C-alpha atoms as a PDB file:
ATOM      1  CA  MET A   1     -58.548  16.523  23.089  1.00  0.00           C
ATOM      2  CA  SER A   2     -56.547  16.064  26.276  1.00  0.00           C
ATOM      3  CA  VAL A   3     -52.966  17.349  26.121  1.00  0.00           C
ATOM      4  CA  LEU A   4     -52.269  15.548  29.402  1.00  0.00           C
ATOM      5  CA  GLY A   5     -53.429  12.264  27.882  1.00  0.00           C
ATOM      6  CA  ALA A   6     -51.202  12.730  24.832  1.00  0.00           C
ATOM      7  CA  ILE A   7     -48.176  13.565  26.984  1.00  0.00           C
ATOM      8  CA  LEU A   8     -48.904  10.530  29.151  1.00  0.00           C
ATOM      9  CA  LEU A   9     -49.086   8.386  26.023  1.00  0.00           C
ATOM     10  CA  VAL A  10     -45.705   9.619  24.786  1.00  0.00           C
ATOM     11  CA  LEU A  11     -43.945   9.243  28.150  1.00  0.00           C
ATOM     12  CA  ALA A  12     -45.305   5.755  28.813  1.00  0.00           C
ATOM     13  CA  GLY A  13     -44.413   4.755  25.245  1.00  0.00           C
ATOM     14  CA  LEU A  14     -40.826   5.947  25.642  1.00  0.00           C
ATOM     15  CA  ALA A  15     -40.478   4.089  28.942  1.00  0.00           C
ATOM     16  CA  ILE A  16     -41.750   0.830  27.447  1.00  0.00           C
ATOM     17  CA  MET A  17     -39.771   1.238  24.211  1.00  0.00           C
ATOM     18  CA  ALA A  18     -36.428   1.860  25.903  1.00  0.00           C
ATOM     19  CA  PHE A  19     -36.677  -0.108  29.160  1.00  0.00           C
ATOM     20  CA  GLY A  20     -39.136  -2.964  28.572  1.00  0.00           C
ATOM     21  CA  ILE A  21     -36.786  -5.820  29.530  1.00  0.00           C
ATOM     22  CA  PHE A  22     -35.267  -3.820  32.393  1.00  0.00           C
ATOM     23  CA  LEU A  23     -38.698  -3.083  33.817  1.00  0.00           C
ATOM     24  CA  PHE A  24     -39.561  -6.768  33.662  1.00  0.00           C
ATOM     25  CA  TYR A  25     -36.563  -7.954  35.638  1.00  0.00           C
ATOM     26  CA  ALA A  26     -36.307  -5.038  38.057  1.00  0.00           C
ATOM     27  CA  TRP A  27     -39.908  -3.931  38.511  1.00  0.00           C
ATOM     28  CA  LEU A  28     -42.210  -6.597  37.102  1.00  0.00           C
ATOM     29  CA  PRO A  29     -45.489  -5.158  38.507  1.00  0.00           C
ATOM     30  CA  PHE A  30     -44.566  -1.733  37.143  1.00  0.00           C
ATOM     31  CA  LEU A  31     -44.061  -3.228  33.669  1.00  0.00           C
ATOM     32  CA  TYR A  32     -47.472  -4.906  33.840  1.00  0.00           C
ATOM     33  CA  GLY A  33     -48.932  -1.585  34.962  1.00  0.00           C
ATOM     34  CA  LEU A  34     -47.420   0.227  31.971  1.00  0.00           C
ATOM     35  CA  PHE A  35     -48.765  -2.426  29.606  1.00  0.00           C
ATOM     36  CA  GLY A  36     -52.196  -2.010  31.222  1.00  0.00           C
ATOM     37  CA  LEU A  37     -51.945   1.772  30.897  1.00  0.00           C
ATOM     38  CA  GLU A  38     -51.007   1.548  27.228  1.00  0.00           C
ATOM     39  CA  ILE A  39     -53.751  -0.981  26.440  1.00  0.00           C
ATOM     40  CA  GLY A  40     -56.333   1.184  28.213  1.00  0.00           C
ATOM     41  CA  LEU A  41     -55.245   4.342  26.397  1.00  0.00           C
ATOM     42  CA  LEU A  42     -55.281   2.613  23.010  1.00  0.00           C
ATOM     43  CA  LEU A  43     -58.687   1.084  23.735  1.00  0.00           C
ATOM     44  CA  GLY A  44     -60.028   4.495  24.703  1.00  0.00           C
ATOM     45  CA  GLN A  45     -58.647   5.980  21.490  1.00  0.00           C
ATOM     46  CA  TRP A  46     -60.168   3.084  19.508  1.00  0.00           C
ATOM     47  CA  LEU A  47     -63.598   3.528  21.131  1.00  0.00           C
ATOM     48  CA  THR A  48     -63.829   7.323  21.007  1.00  0.00           C
ATOM     49  CA  GLY A  49     -61.284   8.387  18.390  1.00  0.00           C
ATOM     50  CA  ASP A  50     -59.635  10.620  20.981  1.00  0.00           C
ATOM     51  CA  ILE A  51     -57.304  10.384  23.970  1.00  0.00           C
ATOM     52  CA  GLY A  52     -59.695  12.069  26.353  1.00  0.00           C
ATOM     53  CA  LEU A  53     -61.187  11.347  29.750  1.00  0.00           C
ATOM     54  CA  LEU A  54     -62.439   7.856  28.852  1.00  0.00           C
ATOM     55  CA  ALA A  55     -59.030   6.809  27.507  1.00  0.00           C
ATOM     56  CA  ILE A  56     -57.278   8.096  30.637  1.00  0.00           C
ATOM     57  CA  ILE A  57     -59.774   6.290  32.899  1.00  0.00           C
ATOM     58  CA  LEU A  58     -59.358   3.045  30.939  1.00  0.00           C
ATOM     59  CA  GLY A  59     -55.583   3.469  31.087  1.00  0.00           C
ATOM     60  CA  ILE A  60     -55.632   3.882  34.863  1.00  0.00           C
ATOM     61  CA  VAL A  61     -57.991   0.919  35.303  1.00  0.00           C
ATOM     62  CA  GLY A  62     -55.826  -1.245  33.048  1.00  0.00           C
ATOM     63  CA  ALA A  63     -52.677  -0.234  34.931  1.00  0.00           C
ATOM     64  CA  VAL A  64     -54.212  -1.047  38.330  1.00  0.00           C
ATOM     65  CA  ILE A  65     -55.604  -4.404  37.156  1.00  0.00           C
ATOM     66  CA  LEU A  66     -52.368  -5.649  35.607  1.00  0.00           C
ATOM     67  CA  PHE A  67     -50.261  -4.233  38.460  1.00  0.00           C
ATOM     68  CA  GLY A  68     -52.302  -6.283  40.942  1.00  0.00           C
ATOM     69  CA  ALA A  69     -52.327  -9.312  38.657  1.00  0.00           C
ATOM     70  CA  ALA A  70     -48.514  -9.359  38.717  1.00  0.00           C
ATOM     71  CA  TYR A  71     -48.774 -10.434  42.371  1.00  0.00           C
ATOM     72  CA  LEU A  72     -51.964 -12.507  42.321  1.00  0.00           C
ATOM     73  CA  LEU A  73     -51.061 -14.474  39.184  1.00  0.00           C
ATOM     74  CA  GLU A  74     -47.279 -14.521  39.611  1.00  0.00           C
ATOM     75  CA  PRO A  75     -46.947 -18.291  38.878  1.00  0.00           C
ATOM     76  CA  TYR A  76     -48.461 -17.616  35.466  1.00  0.00           C
ATOM     77  CA  ARG A  77     -46.560 -14.404  34.810  1.00  0.00           C
ATOM     78  CA  ARG A  78     -45.260 -15.451  31.407  1.00  0.00           C
ATOM     79  CA  VAL A  79     -48.685 -16.321  30.075  1.00  0.00           C
ATOM     80  CA  LEU A  80     -50.103 -13.115  31.561  1.00  0.00           C
ATOM     81  CA  LEU A  81     -47.331 -11.077  29.975  1.00  0.00           C
ATOM     82  CA  GLY A  82     -47.855 -12.907  26.696  1.00  0.00           C
ATOM     83  CA  LEU A  83     -51.581 -12.151  26.747  1.00  0.00           C
ATOM     84  CA  SER A  84     -51.152  -8.473  27.630  1.00  0.00           C
ATOM     85  CA  ALA A  85     -48.131  -7.842  25.386  1.00  0.00           C
ATOM     86  CA  GLY A  86     -49.719  -9.771  22.516  1.00  0.00           C
ATOM     87  CA  ALA A  87     -52.899  -7.724  22.810  1.00  0.00           C
ATOM     88  CA  LEU A  88     -50.773  -4.583  22.933  1.00  0.00           C
ATOM     89  CA  VAL A  89     -48.909  -5.575  19.782  1.00  0.00           C
ATOM     90  CA  GLY A  90     -52.214  -6.344  18.049  1.00  0.00           C
ATOM     91  CA  LEU A  91     -53.620  -2.931  18.961  1.00  0.00           C
ATOM     92  CA  SER A  92     -50.347  -1.281  17.940  1.00  0.00           C
ATOM     93  CA  ILE A  93     -50.449  -2.996  14.552  1.00  0.00           C
ATOM     94  CA  ALA A  94     -54.027  -1.819  14.098  1.00  0.00           C
ATOM     95  CA  SER A  95     -52.940   1.740  14.958  1.00  0.00           C
ATOM     96  CA  PHE A  96     -49.826   1.409  12.778  1.00  0.00           C
ATOM     97  CA  LEU A  97     -51.868   0.304   9.737  1.00  0.00           C
ATOM     98  CA  GLY A  98     -54.788   2.651  10.430  1.00  0.00           C
ATOM     99  CA  LEU A  99     -57.186  -0.259  11.057  1.00  0.00           C
ATOM    100  CA  ASP A 100     -58.275   0.841  14.540  1.00  0.00           C
ATOM    101  CA  HIS A 101     -61.348   2.585  13.046  1.00  0.00           C
ATOM    102  CA  PHE A 102     -61.839   0.350  10.009  1.00  0.00           C
ATOM    103  CA  VAL A 103     -65.151  -1.583   9.920  1.00  0.00           C
ATOM    104  CA  GLY A 104     -66.213   0.058  13.167  1.00  0.00           C
ATOM    105  CA  GLY A 105     -62.994  -0.936  14.901  1.00  0.00           C
ATOM    106  CA  VAL A 106     -63.772  -4.661  14.623  1.00  0.00           C
ATOM    107  CA  LEU A 107     -60.410  -5.427  12.992  1.00  0.00           C
ATOM    108  CA  GLY A 108     -58.623  -3.708  15.866  1.00  0.00           C
ATOM    109  CA  ALA A 109     -60.400  -5.965  18.373  1.00  0.00           C
ATOM    110  CA  VAL A 110     -59.688  -9.065  16.265  1.00  0.00           C
ATOM    111  CA  LEU A 111     -55.981  -8.201  16.046  1.00  0.00           C
ATOM    112  CA  ALA A 112     -55.872  -7.666  19.821  1.00  0.00           C
ATOM    113  CA  VAL A 113     -57.412 -11.100  20.489  1.00  0.00           C
ATOM    114  CA  VAL A 114     -55.213 -12.852  17.934  1.00  0.00           C
ATOM    115  CA  GLY A 115     -52.142 -11.103  19.320  1.00  0.00           C
ATOM    116  CA  ALA A 116     -53.028 -12.152  22.870  1.00  0.00           C
ATOM    117  CA  ILE A 117     -53.390 -15.814  21.856  1.00  0.00           C
ATOM    118  CA  ILE A 118     -50.147 -15.835  19.858  1.00  0.00           C
ATOM    119  CA  GLY A 119     -48.327 -14.047  22.666  1.00  0.00           C
ATOM    120  CA  ALA A 120     -49.446 -16.601  25.261  1.00  0.00           C
ATOM    121  CA  ILE A 121     -48.082 -19.400  23.061  1.00  0.00           C
ATOM    122  CA  ILE A 122     -44.786 -17.809  21.993  1.00  0.00           C
ATOM    123  CA  VAL A 123     -43.676 -16.066  25.196  1.00  0.00           C
ATOM    124  CA  PRO A 124     -42.573 -19.180  27.146  1.00  0.00           C
ATOM    125  CA  ARG A 125     -40.243 -20.232  24.317  1.00  0.00           C
ATOM    126  CA  TYR A 126     -38.651 -16.898  23.372  1.00  0.00           C
ATOM    127  CA  PHE A 127     -39.211 -14.913  26.513  1.00  0.00           C
ATOM    128  CA  ASP A 128     -36.522 -12.203  26.594  1.00  0.00           C
ATOM    129  CA  ALA A 129     -36.652 -11.584  22.844  1.00  0.00           C
ATOM    130  CA  PHE A 130     -40.446 -11.333  22.921  1.00  0.00           C
ATOM    131  CA  VAL A 131     -40.407  -8.839  25.797  1.00  0.00           C
ATOM    132  CA  ILE A 132     -37.837  -6.668  24.008  1.00  0.00           C
ATOM    133  CA  VAL A 133     -39.501  -6.696  20.582  1.00  0.00           C
ATOM    134  CA  ALA A 134     -43.052  -6.286  21.897  1.00  0.00           C
ATOM    135  CA  SER A 135     -42.109  -3.467  24.267  1.00  0.00           C
ATOM    136  CA  ALA A 136     -40.057  -1.652  21.609  1.00  0.00           C
ATOM    137  CA  PHE A 137     -42.746  -1.850  18.923  1.00  0.00           C
ATOM    138  CA  GLY A 138     -45.659  -1.145  21.254  1.00  0.00           C
ATOM    139  CA  GLY A 139     -43.830   1.770  22.853  1.00  0.00           C
ATOM    140  CA  ALA A 140     -42.872   3.232  19.465  1.00  0.00           C
ATOM    141  CA  ALA A 141     -46.465   3.078  18.195  1.00  0.00           C
ATOM    142  CA  MET A 142     -47.582   4.701  21.430  1.00  0.00           C
ATOM    143  CA  VAL A 143     -45.065   7.554  21.015  1.00  0.00           C
ATOM    144  CA  ILE A 144     -46.206   8.250  17.437  1.00  0.00           C
ATOM    145  CA  ALA A 145     -49.885   8.231  18.450  1.00  0.00           C
ATOM    146  CA  GLY A 146     -49.237  10.634  21.323  1.00  0.00           C
ATOM    147  CA  ALA A 147     -47.053  12.900  19.181  1.00  0.00           C
ATOM    148  CA  HIS A 148     -49.822  13.118  16.590  1.00  0.00           C
ATOM    149  CA  TRP A 149     -52.316  14.309  19.211  1.00  0.00           C
ATOM    150  CA  LEU A 150     -49.788  16.838  20.530  1.00  0.00           C
ATOM    151  CA  PHE A 151     -48.855  18.135  17.049  1.00  0.00           C
ATOM    152  CA  PRO A 152     -51.852  17.436  14.785  1.00  0.00           C
ATOM    153  CA  GLY A 153     -50.557  19.760  12.061  1.00  0.00           C
ATOM    154  CA  ILE A 154     -47.320  17.840  11.509  1.00  0.00           C
ATOM    155  CA  GLY A 155     -47.732  15.170   8.833  1.00  0.00           C
ATOM    156  CA  LEU A 156     -44.756  13.186  10.146  1.00  0.00           C
ATOM    157  CA  PHE A 157     -46.965  11.856  12.968  1.00  0.00           C
ATOM    158  CA  ASP A 158     -50.254  11.637  11.044  1.00  0.00           C
ATOM    159  CA  ARG A 159     -51.010   8.114   9.806  1.00  0.00           C
ATOM    160  CA  ALA A 160     -53.887   9.336   7.651  1.00  0.00           C
ATOM    161  CA  ALA A 161     -52.180  12.272   5.925  1.00  0.00           C
ATOM    162  CA  GLY A 162     -48.498  11.571   6.443  1.00  0.00           C
ATOM    163  CA  GLY A 163     -48.173   8.785   3.921  1.00  0.00           C
ATOM    164  CA  PHE A 164     -45.365   6.326   4.564  1.00  0.00           C
ATOM    165  CA  MET A 165     -43.389   8.555   6.931  1.00  0.00           C
ATOM    166  CA  PRO A 166     -45.318   7.801  10.189  1.00  0.00           C
ATOM    167  CA  ALA A 167     -44.968   4.064   9.535  1.00  0.00           C
ATOM    168  CA  LEU A 168     -41.272   4.466   8.740  1.00  0.00           C
ATOM    169  CA  LEU A 169     -40.723   6.531  11.885  1.00  0.00           C
ATOM    170  CA  THR A 170     -42.468   3.836  13.958  1.00  0.00           C
ATOM    171  CA  ILE A 171     -40.193   1.182  12.468  1.00  0.00           C
ATOM    172  CA  VAL A 172     -37.100   3.307  13.119  1.00  0.00           C
ATOM    173  CA  LEU A 173     -38.093   3.949  16.747  1.00  0.00           C
ATOM    174  CA  SER A 174     -38.836   0.242  17.210  1.00  0.00           C
ATOM    175  CA  ALA A 175     -35.403  -0.673  15.827  1.00  0.00           C
ATOM    176  CA  VAL A 176     -33.740   1.843  18.134  1.00  0.00           C
ATOM    177  CA  GLY A 177     -35.614   0.432  21.128  1.00  0.00           C
ATOM    178  CA  ILE A 178     -34.788  -3.175  20.200  1.00  0.00           C
ATOM    179  CA  GLY A 179     -31.119  -2.401  19.630  1.00  0.00           C
ATOM    180  CA  TRP A 180     -30.846  -0.394  22.835  1.00  0.00           C
ATOM    181  CA  GLN A 181     -32.444  -3.097  24.955  1.00  0.00           C
ATOM    182  CA  PHE A 182     -30.483  -5.992  23.429  1.00  0.00           C
ATOM    183  CA  LYS A 183     -27.081  -4.271  23.551  1.00  0.00           C
ATOM    184  CA  THR A 184     -27.353  -2.273  26.768  1.00  0.00           C
ATOM    185  CA  ILE A 185     -30.249  -3.085  29.081  1.00  0.00           C
ATOM    186  CA  ALA A 186     -30.306  -6.884  28.695  1.00  0.00           C
ATOM    187  CA  ALA A 187     -26.507  -7.102  29.050  1.00  0.00           C
ATOM    188  CA  TRP A 188     -26.578  -4.890  32.133  1.00  0.00           C
ATOM    189  CA  ILE A 189     -29.268  -6.980  33.816  1.00  0.00           C
ATOM    190  CA  ARG A 190     -27.359 -10.209  33.211  1.00  0.00           C
ATOM    191  CA  SER A 191     -24.249  -8.725  34.856  1.00  0.00           C
ATOM    192  CA  GLN A 192     -26.021  -7.557  38.010  1.00  0.00           C
ATOM    193  CA  PRO A 193     -27.254  -9.382  41.141  1.00  0.00           C
ATOM    194  CA  LEU A 194     -30.823 -10.605  40.767  1.00  0.00           C
ATOM    195  CA  TYR A 195     -33.578  -8.250  41.857  1.00  0.00           C
ATOM    196  CA  GLY A 196     -35.575 -10.162  44.407  1.00  0.00           C
ATOM    197  CA  ASP A 197     -37.642 -13.311  44.124  1.00  0.00           C
ATOM    198  CA  ILE A 198     -39.638 -12.375  41.039  1.00  0.00           C
ATOM    199  CA  SER A 199     -36.596 -11.363  38.988  1.00  0.00           C
ATOM    200  CA  GLY A 200     -34.578 -14.318  40.194  1.00  0.00           C
ATOM    201  CA  ALA A 201     -37.310 -16.750  39.304  1.00  0.00           C
ATOM    202  CA  SER A 202     -37.670 -15.142  35.883  1.00  0.00           C
ATOM    203  CA  VAL A 203     -34.005 -15.754  35.054  1.00  0.00           C
ATOM    204  CA  LYS A 204     -33.739 -19.113  36.802  1.00  0.00           C
ATOM    205  CA  ASP A 205     -36.645 -20.814  35.096  1.00  0.00           C
ATOM    206  CA  GLN A 206     -36.033 -19.699  31.514  1.00  0.00           C
ATOM    207  CA  SER A 207     -36.336 -23.328  30.457  1.00  0.00           C
ATOM    208  CA  GLY A 208     -39.544 -23.936  32.391  1.00  0.00           C
ATOM    209  CA  PRO A 209     -43.050 -23.898  30.945  1.00  0.00           C
ATOM    210  CA  TRP A 210     -43.932 -20.515  32.442  1.00  0.00           C
END
């Protein structure tokens, strides 16, 4: 078990949970990178049952790929974000419900694919709300998973032995992240000058197809 990997999981989860919409408008490539990191870490945990070297490597690879894709595929940024965030939500739901190891992890993969497809369809229509909800829920699930690896003896973070409490804590953290982003971060962004071409285009073309 890698303590560094668990700490990384918690820190990245907190960043996404609290600042998802801010990261999109201010530092779009960084947001994609965090989504890639989280997806890679969750995939590594799904494949090996641990946040070890493989999970960290997959997290780094995912972060680099999506960070670069933010520039290369910028015209399709909303679909790309929908695919990545939808897959993240699917994996988070699998982790939240304890399905990431059920039937050999097949259900986790199915939820990731279904989430990616749904995300690509929904994102263009409800963009800001989707970014906030997906980042808050995905970040919260990531925090709980990392906390469990850091403190395996505490049932509050253990989905298998903690009963309803880990799920409830995930929901509470998600609600806190959603409320914080809607009331503070989103309002602050709207009141500030636009952050460069990517951020400006994101706000300007809210009614466009991408």
